Amino acid sequence: MVNEILKLYENGFMLRQAMRFTQDMEKARDLVQDTFIRMMDKQDQYNQDNSNPQAFVTIVMKRIHLNNVRRSK
């Protein structure tokens, strides 16, 4: 899984997704970092046979973003 996440980071997928959610480059970079850390912590929950890595990253990122928005209000 680590290799798949690294590929998504290196090809810019994670930053593009983060920009869709935040509309701010600094916040997007923070979101990518938070997502990357969370993905490393939760890699045992990822089922490589049945999961799309892009979808898994996007779901985790969206949850982190929503939690950040809730905390800021």
C-alpha atoms as a PDB file:
ATOM      1  CA  MET A   1       0.000   0.000   0.000  1.00  0.00           C
ATOM      2  CA  VAL A   2       2.828   2.393   0.755  1.00  0.00           C
ATOM      3  CA  ASN A   3       3.983   2.247  -2.864  1.00  0.00           C
ATOM      4  CA  GLU A   4       0.480   3.027  -4.133  1.00  0.00           C
ATOM      5  CA  ILE A   5       0.161   6.031  -1.808  1.00  0.00           C
ATOM      6  CA  LEU A   6       3.590   7.292  -2.823  1.00  0.00           C
ATOM      7  CA  LYS A   7       2.583   7.069  -6.493  1.00  0.00           C
ATOM      8  CA  LEU A   8      -0.590   9.076  -5.792  1.00  0.00           C
ATOM      9  CA  TYR A   9       1.487  11.673  -3.975  1.00  0.00           C
ATOM     10  CA  GLU A  10       4.195  11.864  -6.628  1.00  0.00           C
ATOM     11  CA  ASN A  11       1.812  12.178  -9.565  1.00  0.00           C
ATOM     12  CA  GLY A  12      -0.043  15.039  -7.856  1.00  0.00           C
ATOM     13  CA  PHE A  13      -3.328  13.214  -7.290  1.00  0.00           C
ATOM     14  CA  MET A  14      -3.380  13.887  -3.555  1.00  0.00           C
ATOM     15  CA  LEU A  15      -2.675  17.605  -3.946  1.00  0.00           C
ATOM     16  CA  ARG A  16      -5.336  17.976  -6.657  1.00  0.00           C
ATOM     17  CA  GLN A  17      -7.913  16.267  -4.441  1.00  0.00           C
ATOM     18  CA  ALA A  18      -6.919  18.430  -1.482  1.00  0.00           C
ATOM     19  CA  MET A  19      -7.281  21.584  -3.597  1.00  0.00           C
ATOM     20  CA  ARG A  20     -10.786  20.471  -4.585  1.00  0.00           C
ATOM     21  CA  PHE A  21     -11.718  20.308  -0.908  1.00  0.00           C
ATOM     22  CA  THR A  22      -9.892  23.346   0.477  1.00  0.00           C
ATOM     23  CA  GLN A  23      -9.536  25.818  -2.413  1.00  0.00           C
ATOM     24  CA  ASP A  24      -6.341  27.035  -0.680  1.00  0.00           C
ATOM     25  CA  MET A  25      -2.794  25.840  -1.421  1.00  0.00           C
ATOM     26  CA  GLU A  26      -1.491  26.043   2.153  1.00  0.00           C
ATOM     27  CA  LYS A  27      -4.505  24.208   3.554  1.00  0.00           C
ATOM     28  CA  ALA A  28      -4.274  21.675   0.723  1.00  0.00           C
ATOM     29  CA  ARG A  29      -0.647  20.901   1.567  1.00  0.00           C
ATOM     30  CA  ASP A  30      -1.560  20.472   5.230  1.00  0.00           C
ATOM     31  CA  LEU A  31      -4.420  18.190   4.241  1.00  0.00           C
ATOM     32  CA  VAL A  32      -2.129  16.063   2.072  1.00  0.00           C
ATOM     33  CA  GLN A  33       0.309  15.734   4.964  1.00  0.00           C
ATOM     34  CA  ASP A  34      -2.450  14.800   7.430  1.00  0.00           C
ATOM     35  CA  THR A  35      -3.864  12.290   4.949  1.00  0.00           C
ATOM     36  CA  PHE A  36      -0.481  10.739   4.280  1.00  0.00           C
ATOM     37  CA  ILE A  37       0.149  10.274   8.007  1.00  0.00           C
ATOM     38  CA  ARG A  38      -3.315   8.812   8.559  1.00  0.00           C
ATOM     39  CA  MET A  39      -2.885   6.438   5.631  1.00  0.00           C
ATOM     40  CA  MET A  40       0.386   5.148   7.065  1.00  0.00           C
ATOM     41  CA  ASP A  41      -1.276   4.613  10.451  1.00  0.00           C
ATOM     42  CA  LYS A  42      -4.294   2.836   8.919  1.00  0.00           C
ATOM     43  CA  GLN A  43      -2.612   0.824   6.183  1.00  0.00           C
ATOM     44  CA  ASP A  44      -3.734  -2.435   7.811  1.00  0.00           C
ATOM     45  CA  GLN A  45      -7.368  -1.482   7.036  1.00  0.00           C
ATOM     46  CA  TYR A  46      -6.689  -1.270   3.313  1.00  0.00           C
ATOM     47  CA  ASN A  47      -7.628  -4.385   1.363  1.00  0.00           C
ATOM     48  CA  GLN A  48      -5.457  -4.291  -1.731  1.00  0.00           C
ATOM     49  CA  ASP A  49      -7.511  -6.894  -3.588  1.00  0.00           C
ATOM     50  CA  ASN A  50     -10.883  -5.152  -3.282  1.00  0.00           C
ATOM     51  CA  SER A  51      -9.984  -1.463  -3.030  1.00  0.00           C
ATOM     52  CA  ASN A  52      -9.168   1.321  -5.419  1.00  0.00           C
ATOM     53  CA  PRO A  53      -6.272   3.293  -3.854  1.00  0.00           C
ATOM     54  CA  GLN A  54      -7.529   6.585  -5.303  1.00  0.00           C
ATOM     55  CA  ALA A  55     -10.967   6.083  -3.785  1.00  0.00           C
ATOM     56  CA  PHE A  56      -9.508   5.059  -0.429  1.00  0.00           C
ATOM     57  CA  VAL A  57      -7.238   8.130  -0.297  1.00  0.00           C
ATOM     58  CA  THR A  58     -10.108  10.407  -1.315  1.00  0.00           C
ATOM     59  CA  ILE A  59     -12.426   9.047   1.387  1.00  0.00           C
ATOM     60  CA  VAL A  60      -9.795   9.403   4.098  1.00  0.00           C
ATOM     61  CA  MET A  61      -8.923  12.910   2.897  1.00  0.00           C
ATOM     62  CA  LYS A  62     -12.562  13.996   2.805  1.00  0.00           C
ATOM     63  CA  ARG A  63     -13.118  12.792   6.380  1.00  0.00           C
ATOM     64  CA  ILE A  64     -10.048  14.655   7.623  1.00  0.00           C
ATOM     65  CA  HIS A  65     -11.128  17.802   5.785  1.00  0.00           C
ATOM     66  CA  LEU A  66     -14.648  17.670   7.233  1.00  0.00           C
ATOM     67  CA  ASN A  67     -13.256  17.198  10.726  1.00  0.00           C
ATOM     68  CA  ASN A  68     -10.953  20.198  10.234  1.00  0.00           C
ATOM     69  CA  VAL A  69     -13.865  22.343   9.036  1.00  0.00           C
ATOM     70  CA  ARG A  70     -15.991  21.321  12.029  1.00  0.00           C
ATOM     71  CA  ARG A  71     -13.182  22.121  14.464  1.00  0.00           C
ATOM     72  CA  SER A  72     -12.609  25.566  12.947  1.00  0.00           C
ATOM     73  CA  LYS A  73     -16.217  26.657  13.486  1.00  0.00           C
END
